[in-house]
């Protein structure tokens, strides 16, 4: 089964993990974890899913696997 996220789900997961939305430009929000010094960008397109490849890249950016991120839903 493909692991498909909504942008709202990913934003909530990142915030639970301690990431802070530092800015938003257009339809993309940037999140940063100040203690780790890690940053990632989440596209905010209502009604559209985040592609599996992009979900995998966001997981990689924050130092997790896609399965670990999926388990936090």
C-alpha atoms as a PDB file:
ATOM      1  CA  UNK A   1       0.000   0.000   0.000  1.00  0.00           C
ATOM      2  CA  UNK A   2       1.339   3.420  -0.940  1.00  0.00           C
ATOM      3  CA  UNK A   3       1.981   5.744   1.951  1.00  0.00           C
ATOM      4  CA  UNK A   4       0.064   8.875   0.985  1.00  0.00           C
ATOM      5  CA  UNK A   5      -0.083  11.923   3.257  1.00  0.00           C
ATOM      6  CA  UNK A   6      -2.179  15.064   3.202  1.00  0.00           C
ATOM      7  CA  UNK A   7      -0.193  18.246   3.787  1.00  0.00           C
ATOM      8  CA  UNK A   8      -2.173  18.953   6.960  1.00  0.00           C
ATOM      9  CA  UNK A   9      -1.170  15.530   8.366  1.00  0.00           C
ATOM     10  CA  UNK A  10       2.515  16.152   7.703  1.00  0.00           C
ATOM     11  CA  UNK A  11       2.346  19.607   9.290  1.00  0.00           C
ATOM     12  CA  UNK A  12       0.737  18.166  12.431  1.00  0.00           C
ATOM     13  CA  UNK A  13       3.347  15.392  12.648  1.00  0.00           C
ATOM     14  CA  UNK A  14       6.216  17.863  12.259  1.00  0.00           C
ATOM     15  CA  UNK A  15       4.787  20.134  14.960  1.00  0.00           C
ATOM     16  CA  UNK A  16       4.397  17.179  17.348  1.00  0.00           C
ATOM     17  CA  UNK A  17       8.056  16.326  16.707  1.00  0.00           C
ATOM     18  CA  UNK A  18       9.118  19.846  17.749  1.00  0.00           C
ATOM     19  CA  UNK A  19       9.382  21.531  14.357  1.00  0.00           C
ATOM     20  CA  UNK A  20       8.273  25.155  14.085  1.00  0.00           C
ATOM     21  CA  UNK A  21       6.815  26.780  10.976  1.00  0.00           C
ATOM     22  CA  UNK A  22       9.328  29.517  10.334  1.00  0.00           C
ATOM     23  CA  UNK A  23       7.745  30.963   7.232  1.00  0.00           C
ATOM     24  CA  UNK A  24       5.381  30.380   4.384  1.00  0.00           C
ATOM     25  CA  UNK A  25       5.766  31.687   0.898  1.00  0.00           C
ATOM     26  CA  UNK A  26       2.837  31.024  -1.367  1.00  0.00           C
ATOM     27  CA  UNK A  27       1.786  27.412  -0.993  1.00  0.00           C
ATOM     28  CA  UNK A  28       4.957  26.114   0.679  1.00  0.00           C
ATOM     29  CA  UNK A  29       5.656  26.145   4.415  1.00  0.00           C
ATOM     30  CA  UNK A  30       9.134  25.783   5.840  1.00  0.00           C
ATOM     31  CA  UNK A  31       9.636  23.988   9.140  1.00  0.00           C
ATOM     32  CA  UNK A  32      12.743  24.025  11.308  1.00  0.00           C
ATOM     33  CA  UNK A  33      13.811  22.066  14.361  1.00  0.00           C
ATOM     34  CA  UNK A  34      16.131  24.468  16.162  1.00  0.00           C
ATOM     35  CA  UNK A  35      17.743  21.900  18.495  1.00  0.00           C
ATOM     36  CA  UNK A  36      18.678  19.603  15.599  1.00  0.00           C
ATOM     37  CA  UNK A  37      19.338  22.370  13.068  1.00  0.00           C
ATOM     38  CA  UNK A  38      17.170  20.553  10.520  1.00  0.00           C
ATOM     39  CA  UNK A  39      14.807  22.153   8.017  1.00  0.00           C
ATOM     40  CA  UNK A  40      12.246  20.888   5.498  1.00  0.00           C
ATOM     41  CA  UNK A  41       9.555  22.280   3.218  1.00  0.00           C
ATOM     42  CA  UNK A  42       5.957  21.045   2.990  1.00  0.00           C
ATOM     43  CA  UNK A  43       3.720  21.986   0.027  1.00  0.00           C
ATOM     44  CA  UNK A  44       0.262  23.194   1.096  1.00  0.00           C
ATOM     45  CA  UNK A  45      -2.080  22.348  -1.748  1.00  0.00           C
ATOM     46  CA  UNK A  46      -5.602  21.801  -0.364  1.00  0.00           C
ATOM     47  CA  UNK A  47      -7.383  18.795  -1.791  1.00  0.00           C
ATOM     48  CA  UNK A  48      -4.189  17.234  -3.147  1.00  0.00           C
ATOM     49  CA  UNK A  49      -2.098  14.453  -1.682  1.00  0.00           C
ATOM     50  CA  UNK A  50       1.641  14.719  -1.244  1.00  0.00           C
ATOM     51  CA  UNK A  51       3.366  12.416  -3.703  1.00  0.00           C
ATOM     52  CA  UNK A  52       5.085   9.358  -2.184  1.00  0.00           C
ATOM     53  CA  UNK A  53       8.478  10.482  -3.465  1.00  0.00           C
ATOM     54  CA  UNK A  54       8.125  13.882  -1.819  1.00  0.00           C
ATOM     55  CA  UNK A  55       6.937  12.260   1.431  1.00  0.00           C
ATOM     56  CA  UNK A  56      10.054  10.086   1.330  1.00  0.00           C
ATOM     57  CA  UNK A  57      12.243  13.185   0.805  1.00  0.00           C
ATOM     58  CA  UNK A  58      10.617  15.015   3.743  1.00  0.00           C
ATOM     59  CA  UNK A  59      11.205  11.945   5.934  1.00  0.00           C
ATOM     60  CA  UNK A  60      14.838  11.880   4.803  1.00  0.00           C
ATOM     61  CA  UNK A  61      15.205  15.614   5.538  1.00  0.00           C
ATOM     62  CA  UNK A  62      14.130  15.087   9.149  1.00  0.00           C
ATOM     63  CA  UNK A  63      16.237  11.947   9.632  1.00  0.00           C
ATOM     64  CA  UNK A  64      13.468   9.342   9.575  1.00  0.00           C
ATOM     65  CA  UNK A  65      12.300   6.616   7.245  1.00  0.00           C
ATOM     66  CA  UNK A  66       8.958   6.819   5.506  1.00  0.00           C
ATOM     67  CA  UNK A  67       7.686   3.911   7.623  1.00  0.00           C
ATOM     68  CA  UNK A  68       8.618   5.716  10.859  1.00  0.00           C
ATOM     69  CA  UNK A  69       6.861   8.848   9.651  1.00  0.00           C
ATOM     70  CA  UNK A  70       3.817   6.789   8.636  1.00  0.00           C
ATOM     71  CA  UNK A  71       3.609   5.254  12.127  1.00  0.00           C
ATOM     72  CA  UNK A  72       3.267   8.755  13.629  1.00  0.00           C
ATOM     73  CA  UNK A  73      -0.035   9.393  11.843  1.00  0.00           C
END
